[in-house]
PDB file of N, CA and C in Angstrom:
ATOM      1  N   MET A   1      -6.630  12.201   0.537  1.00  0.00           N
ATOM      2  CA  MET A   1      -5.269  11.643   0.452  1.00  0.00           C
ATOM      3  C   MET A   1      -4.564  11.357  -0.927  1.00  0.00           C
ATOM      4  N   PHE A   2      -5.531  11.151  -1.944  1.00  0.00           N
ATOM      5  CA  PHE A   2      -5.054  11.114  -3.089  1.00  0.00           C
ATOM      6  C   PHE A   2      -5.241  12.449  -4.155  1.00  0.00           C
ATOM      7  N   ASN A   3      -4.485  13.226  -4.015  1.00  0.00           N
ATOM      8  CA  ASN A   3      -4.607  14.558  -4.712  1.00  0.00           C
ATOM      9  C   ASN A   3      -3.592  14.491  -5.974  1.00  0.00           C
ATOM     10  N   GLY A   4      -3.742  13.515  -6.824  1.00  0.00           N
ATOM     11  CA  GLY A   4      -2.786  13.451  -7.941  1.00  0.00           C
ATOM     12  C   GLY A   4      -3.530  13.928  -9.562  1.00  0.00           C
ATOM     13  N   PRO A   5      -2.972  13.647 -10.487  1.00  0.00           N
ATOM     14  CA  PRO A   5      -3.455  14.067 -11.618  1.00  0.00           C
ATOM     15  C   PRO A   5      -4.456  12.921 -12.246  1.00  0.00           C
ATOM     16  N   LEU A   6      -4.305  11.663 -11.615  1.00  0.00           N
ATOM     17  CA  LEU A   6      -5.269  10.473 -11.955  1.00  0.00           C
ATOM     18  C   LEU A   6      -6.376  10.562 -11.226  1.00  0.00           C
ATOM     19  N   PRO A   7      -7.508  10.096 -11.889  1.00  0.00           N
ATOM     20  CA  PRO A   7      -8.876   9.773 -10.920  1.00  0.00           C
ATOM     21  C   PRO A   7      -8.542   8.355 -10.002  1.00  0.00           C
ATOM     22  N   VAL A   8      -9.074   8.466  -8.786  1.00  0.00           N
ATOM     23  CA  VAL A   8      -9.115   7.483  -7.927  1.00  0.00           C
ATOM     24  C   VAL A   8     -10.529   6.906  -7.587  1.00  0.00           C
ATOM     25  N   MET A   9     -10.645   5.416  -7.674  1.00  0.00           N
ATOM     26  CA  MET A   9     -11.809   5.094  -7.583  1.00  0.00           C
ATOM     27  C   MET A   9     -12.341   4.766  -5.888  1.00  0.00           C
ATOM     28  N   GLN A  10     -13.784   5.181  -5.655  1.00  0.00           N
ATOM     29  CA  GLN A  10     -14.097   5.379  -4.297  1.00  0.00           C
ATOM     30  C   GLN A  10     -13.927   3.973  -3.602  1.00  0.00           C
ATOM     31  N   ALA A  11     -13.738   3.722  -2.501  1.00  0.00           N
ATOM     32  CA  ALA A  11     -13.664   2.382  -1.802  1.00  0.00           C
ATOM     33  C   ALA A  11     -14.651   1.549  -1.841  1.00  0.00           C
ATOM     34  N   ALA A  12     -15.785   2.440  -1.843  1.00  0.00           N
ATOM     35  CA  ALA A  12     -17.072   1.559  -1.903  1.00  0.00           C
ATOM     36  C   ALA A  12     -17.280   0.608  -3.145  1.00  0.00           C
ATOM     37  N   ASP A  13     -16.837   1.558  -4.307  1.00  0.00           N
ATOM     38  CA  ASP A  13     -16.776   0.901  -5.708  1.00  0.00           C
ATOM     39  C   ASP A  13     -15.689  -0.240  -5.669  1.00  0.00           C
ATOM     40  N   VAL A  14     -14.498  -0.136  -5.207  1.00  0.00           N
ATOM     41  CA  VAL A  14     -13.430  -1.167  -5.077  1.00  0.00           C
ATOM     42  C   VAL A  14     -13.927  -2.318  -4.384  1.00  0.00           C
ATOM     43  N   ALA A  15     -14.537  -1.952  -3.113  1.00  0.00           N
ATOM     44  CA  ALA A  15     -15.204  -3.054  -2.459  1.00  0.00           C
ATOM     45  C   ALA A  15     -16.099  -3.892  -3.100  1.00  0.00           C
ATOM     46  N   ARG A  16     -17.280  -3.233  -3.795  1.00  0.00           N
ATOM     47  CA  ARG A  16     -18.216  -3.719  -4.223  1.00  0.00           C
ATOM     48  C   ARG A  16     -17.528  -4.700  -5.338  1.00  0.00           C
ATOM     49  N   LEU A  17     -16.729  -4.378  -6.212  1.00  0.00           N
ATOM     50  CA  LEU A  17     -16.303  -5.195  -7.279  1.00  0.00           C
ATOM     51  C   LEU A  17     -15.390  -6.298  -6.870  1.00  0.00           C
ATOM     52  N   GLY A  18     -14.734  -6.310  -5.676  1.00  0.00           N
ATOM     53  CA  GLY A  18     -14.146  -7.047  -5.143  1.00  0.00           C
ATOM     54  C   GLY A  18     -14.856  -8.417  -4.545  1.00  0.00           C
ATOM     55  N   TYR A  19     -15.796  -7.918  -3.674  1.00  0.00           N
ATOM     56  CA  TYR A  19     -16.898  -8.868  -3.221  1.00  0.00           C
ATOM     57  C   TYR A  19     -17.483  -9.390  -4.427  1.00  0.00           C
ATOM     58  N   ARG A  20     -17.776  -8.881  -5.525  1.00  0.00           N
ATOM     59  CA  ARG A  20     -18.761  -9.585  -6.578  1.00  0.00           C
ATOM     60  C   ARG A  20     -17.319 -10.429  -7.314  1.00  0.00           C
ATOM     61  N   GLY A  21     -16.328 -10.270  -7.240  1.00  0.00           N
ATOM     62  CA  GLY A  21     -15.235 -11.047  -7.701  1.00  0.00           C
ATOM     63  C   GLY A  21     -15.305 -12.473  -6.930  1.00  0.00           C
ATOM     64  N   LEU A  22     -15.255 -12.295  -5.417  1.00  0.00           N
ATOM     65  CA  LEU A  22     -15.085 -13.077  -4.376  1.00  0.00           C
ATOM     66  C   LEU A  22     -16.558 -14.215  -4.658  1.00  0.00           C
ATOM     67  N   LYS A  23     -17.420 -13.692  -4.803  1.00  0.00           N
ATOM     68  CA  LYS A  23     -18.817 -14.470  -5.046  1.00  0.00           C
ATOM     69  C   LYS A  23     -18.741 -15.474  -6.262  1.00  0.00           C
ATOM     70  N   SER A  24     -18.056 -14.689  -7.285  1.00  0.00           N
ATOM     71  CA  SER A  24     -17.992 -15.317  -8.559  1.00  0.00           C
ATOM     72  C   SER A  24     -16.799 -16.461  -8.615  1.00  0.00           C
ATOM     73  N   GLY A  25     -16.092 -16.596  -7.361  1.00  0.00           N
ATOM     74  CA  GLY A  25     -14.803 -17.476  -7.558  1.00  0.00           C
ATOM     75  C   GLY A  25     -13.346 -17.279  -8.161  1.00  0.00           C
ATOM     76  N   ARG A  26     -13.375 -15.629  -8.362  1.00  0.00           N
ATOM     77  CA  ARG A  26     -12.373 -15.205  -8.968  1.00  0.00           C
ATOM     78  C   ARG A  26     -11.016 -14.954  -7.732  1.00  0.00           C
ATOM     79  N   PRO A  27     -10.060 -15.418  -7.911  1.00  0.00           N
ATOM     80  CA  PRO A  27      -9.039 -15.498  -6.786  1.00  0.00           C
ATOM     81  C   PRO A  27      -8.449 -14.107  -6.500  1.00  0.00           C
ATOM     82  N   LEU A  28      -8.625 -13.379  -7.741  1.00  0.00           N
ATOM     83  CA  LEU A  28      -7.689 -11.975  -7.812  1.00  0.00           C
ATOM     84  C   LEU A  28      -8.683 -11.045  -8.527  1.00  0.00           C
ATOM     85  N   VAL A  29      -8.965  -9.845  -8.063  1.00  0.00           N
ATOM     86  CA  VAL A  29      -9.738  -8.779  -8.619  1.00  0.00           C
ATOM     87  C   VAL A  29      -8.746  -7.528  -8.662  1.00  0.00           C
ATOM     88  N   ILE A  30      -8.547  -7.051  -9.783  1.00  0.00           N
ATOM     89  CA  ILE A  30      -7.654  -5.751  -9.659  1.00  0.00           C
ATOM     90  C   ILE A  30      -8.705  -4.908 -10.544  1.00  0.00           C
ATOM     91  N   THR A  31      -8.701  -3.585  -9.889  1.00  0.00           N
ATOM     92  CA  THR A  31      -9.927  -2.492 -10.273  1.00  0.00           C
ATOM     93  C   THR A  31      -9.023  -1.491 -10.674  1.00  0.00           C
ATOM     94  N   GLY A  32      -9.541  -0.808 -11.731  1.00  0.00           N
ATOM     95  CA  GLY A  32      -9.209   0.448 -12.153  1.00  0.00           C
ATOM     96  C   GLY A  32      -8.019   0.261 -13.346  1.00  0.00           C
ATOM     97  N   VAL A  33      -8.096   0.925 -14.495  1.00  0.00           N
ATOM     98  CA  VAL A  33      -7.202   1.117 -15.672  1.00  0.00           C
ATOM     99  C   VAL A  33      -5.785   1.035 -15.277  1.00  0.00           C
ATOM    100  N   ILE A  34      -5.462   1.832 -14.508  1.00  0.00           N
ATOM    101  CA  ILE A  34      -4.139   2.165 -13.894  1.00  0.00           C
ATOM    102  C   ILE A  34      -3.646   1.166 -13.226  1.00  0.00           C
ATOM    103  N   ASN A  35      -4.185   0.433 -12.543  1.00  0.00           N
ATOM    104  CA  ASN A  35      -3.755  -0.786 -11.457  1.00  0.00           C
ATOM    105  C   ASN A  35      -3.667  -1.953 -12.589  1.00  0.00           C
ATOM    106  N   LYS A  36      -4.680  -2.024 -13.364  1.00  0.00           N
ATOM    107  CA  LYS A  36      -4.418  -3.248 -14.451  1.00  0.00           C
ATOM    108  C   LYS A  36      -3.149  -3.170 -15.204  1.00  0.00           C
ATOM    109  N   PHE A  37      -2.806  -1.748 -15.599  1.00  0.00           N
ATOM    110  CA  PHE A  37      -1.801  -1.623 -16.582  1.00  0.00           C
ATOM    111  C   PHE A  37      -0.384  -1.852 -15.421  1.00  0.00           C
ATOM    112  N   MET A  38      -0.442  -1.434 -14.512  1.00  0.00           N
ATOM    113  CA  MET A  38       0.665  -1.930 -13.395  1.00  0.00           C
ATOM    114  C   MET A  38       0.799  -3.309 -13.267  1.00  0.00           C
ATOM    115  N   ALA A  39      -0.047  -3.850 -12.847  1.00  0.00           N
ATOM    116  CA  ALA A  39      -0.355  -5.577 -12.913  1.00  0.00           C
ATOM    117  C   ALA A  39       0.309  -6.228 -13.977  1.00  0.00           C
ATOM    118  N   LEU A  40       0.078  -5.535 -15.231  1.00  0.00           N
ATOM    119  CA  LEU A  40       0.318  -6.165 -16.534  1.00  0.00           C
ATOM    120  C   LEU A  40       1.800  -6.000 -16.767  1.00  0.00           C
ATOM    121  N   SER A  41       2.308  -4.636 -16.333  1.00  0.00           N
ATOM    122  CA  SER A  41       3.681  -4.014 -16.900  1.00  0.00           C
ATOM    123  C   SER A  41       4.603  -5.001 -16.526  1.00  0.00           C
ATOM    124  N   GLY A  42       4.669  -5.562 -15.271  1.00  0.00           N
ATOM    125  CA  GLY A  42       5.761  -6.648 -14.779  1.00  0.00           C
ATOM    126  C   GLY A  42       5.931  -7.722 -15.656  1.00  0.00           C
ATOM    127  N   ARG A  43       5.158  -8.272 -16.342  1.00  0.00           N
ATOM    128  CA  ARG A  43       5.235  -9.411 -17.085  1.00  0.00           C
ATOM    129  C   ARG A  43       6.045  -8.898 -18.363  1.00  0.00           C
ATOM    130  N   PHE A  44       6.137  -7.697 -18.814  1.00  0.00           N
ATOM    131  CA  PHE A  44       6.509  -7.171 -19.960  1.00  0.00           C
ATOM    132  C   PHE A  44       8.035  -6.136 -19.904  1.00  0.00           C
ATOM    133  N   SER A  45       8.196  -5.975 -18.618  1.00  0.00           N
ATOM    134  CA  SER A  45       9.436  -4.797 -18.547  1.00  0.00           C
ATOM    135  C   SER A  45      10.090  -5.434 -17.421  1.00  0.00           C
ATOM    136  N   PRO A  46      11.249  -5.116 -17.507  1.00  0.00           N
ATOM    137  CA  PRO A  46      12.380  -5.350 -16.377  1.00  0.00           C
ATOM    138  C   PRO A  46      11.762  -4.900 -14.847  1.00  0.00           C
ATOM    139  N   ALA A  47      12.081  -5.694 -13.780  1.00  0.00           N
ATOM    140  CA  ALA A  47      11.391  -5.166 -12.590  1.00  0.00           C
ATOM    141  C   ALA A  47      11.698  -4.020 -12.054  1.00  0.00           C
ATOM    142  N   PHE A  48      12.874  -3.432 -12.109  1.00  0.00           N
ATOM    143  CA  PHE A  48      13.481  -2.248 -11.795  1.00  0.00           C
ATOM    144  C   PHE A  48      12.492  -1.132 -12.547  1.00  0.00           C
ATOM    145  N   VAL A  49      12.264  -1.483 -13.523  1.00  0.00           N
ATOM    146  CA  VAL A  49      11.401  -0.148 -14.640  1.00  0.00           C
ATOM    147  C   VAL A  49      10.077  -0.004 -13.861  1.00  0.00           C
ATOM    148  N   ALA A  50       9.358  -1.189 -13.453  1.00  0.00           N
ATOM    149  CA  ALA A  50       8.030  -1.438 -12.979  1.00  0.00           C
ATOM    150  C   ALA A  50       8.187  -0.710 -11.524  1.00  0.00           C
ATOM    151  N   LEU A  51       9.063  -1.059 -10.641  1.00  0.00           N
ATOM    152  CA  LEU A  51       9.559  -0.426  -9.554  1.00  0.00           C
ATOM    153  C   LEU A  51       9.500   1.133  -9.299  1.00  0.00           C
ATOM    154  N   ARG A  52       9.997   1.521 -10.539  1.00  0.00           N
ATOM    155  CA  ARG A  52      10.302   3.048 -10.371  1.00  0.00           C
ATOM    156  C   ARG A  52       9.088   3.604 -10.915  1.00  0.00           C
ATOM    157  N   ILE A  53       8.228   3.017 -11.730  1.00  0.00           N
ATOM    158  CA  ILE A  53       6.993   3.664 -12.186  1.00  0.00           C
ATOM    159  C   ILE A  53       6.087   3.719 -10.809  1.00  0.00           C
ATOM    160  N   ALA A  54       6.215   2.512 -10.056  1.00  0.00           N
ATOM    161  CA  ALA A  54       5.167   2.434  -8.984  1.00  0.00           C
ATOM    162  C   ALA A  54       5.734   3.539  -7.447  1.00  0.00           C
ATOM    163  N   SER A  55       6.988   3.656  -7.615  1.00  0.00           N
ATOM    164  CA  SER A  55       7.450   4.482  -6.618  1.00  0.00           C
ATOM    165  C   SER A  55       7.102   5.772  -7.135  1.00  0.00           C
ATOM    166  N   ARG A  56       7.148   6.310  -8.070  1.00  0.00           N
ATOM    167  CA  ARG A  56       6.598   7.755  -8.325  1.00  0.00           C
ATOM    168  C   ARG A  56       5.156   7.841  -8.385  1.00  0.00           C
ATOM    169  N   MET A  57       4.425   6.704  -8.903  1.00  0.00           N
ATOM    170  CA  MET A  57       3.066   6.896  -8.749  1.00  0.00           C
ATOM    171  C   MET A  57       2.422   7.052  -7.127  1.00  0.00           C
ATOM    172  N   ASN A  58       3.412   6.237  -6.312  1.00  0.00           N
ATOM    173  CA  ASN A  58       2.862   6.311  -5.002  1.00  0.00           C
ATOM    174  C   ASN A  58       3.614   7.559  -4.067  1.00  0.00           C
ATOM    175  N   ALA A  59       4.400   8.465  -4.708  1.00  0.00           N
ATOM    176  CA  ALA A  59       5.138   9.299  -3.979  1.00  0.00           C
ATOM    177  C   ALA A  59       4.085  10.503  -3.514  1.00  0.00           C
ATOM    178  N   ARG A  60       4.157  10.876  -2.578  1.00  0.00           N
ATOM    179  CA  ARG A  60       3.349  11.935  -1.803  1.00  0.00           C
ATOM    180  C   ARG A  60       4.032  13.315  -2.637  1.00  0.00           C
ATOM    181  N   PRO A  61       2.833  14.321  -2.812  1.00  0.00           N
ATOM    182  CA  PRO A  61       3.464  15.830  -3.402  1.00  0.00           C
ATOM    183  C   PRO A  61       4.579  16.296  -2.354  1.00  0.00           C
ATOM    184  N   GLY A  62       5.382  16.688  -2.962  1.00  0.00           N
ATOM    185  CA  GLY A  62       6.722  17.230  -2.344  1.00  0.00           C
ATOM    186  C   GLY A  62       7.559  16.423  -1.982  1.00  0.00           C
ATOM    187  N   ASP A  63       7.606  15.036  -1.981  1.00  0.00           N
ATOM    188  CA  ASP A  63       8.524  13.885  -2.048  1.00  0.00           C
ATOM    189  C   ASP A  63       9.558  14.176  -2.789  1.00  0.00           C
ATOM    190  N   THR A  64      10.709  14.316  -2.541  1.00  0.00           N
ATOM    191  CA  THR A  64      12.206  14.297  -3.151  1.00  0.00           C
ATOM    192  C   THR A  64      12.816  13.090  -3.490  1.00  0.00           C
ATOM    193  N   ALA A  65      12.813  12.208  -2.539  1.00  0.00           N
ATOM    194  CA  ALA A  65      13.356  11.107  -2.300  1.00  0.00           C
ATOM    195  C   ALA A  65      12.882  10.100  -3.328  1.00  0.00           C
ATOM    196  N   VAL A  66      12.653   9.734  -4.450  1.00  0.00           N
ATOM    197  CA  VAL A  66      12.231   8.827  -5.398  1.00  0.00           C
ATOM    198  C   VAL A  66      13.625   8.482  -6.048  1.00  0.00           C
ATOM    199  N   PRO A  67      13.347   7.009  -6.097  1.00  0.00           N
ATOM    200  CA  PRO A  67      14.782   6.028  -6.735  1.00  0.00           C
ATOM    201  C   PRO A  67      14.926   6.353  -7.824  1.00  0.00           C
ATOM    202  N   ASN A  68      16.049   6.383  -8.370  1.00  0.00           N
ATOM    203  CA  ASN A  68      16.294   6.698  -9.776  1.00  0.00           C
ATOM    204  C   ASN A  68      16.240   5.166 -10.696  1.00  0.00           C
TER     205      ASN A  68
END
């Protein structure tokens, strides 16, 4: 499903990290460097920039309808 240029974490790794965070009382666990960057980018950039980046990252190969 994810055939992009960036590496993707395995579901088991994400679940393990989320469960570990839940057990330690953390209300939010963000896994992966790109996900952490995207989560923090909203604090430092206008919303439309973050939405445009997110839409491009989530676009499927061959999609042409990417918002400007």
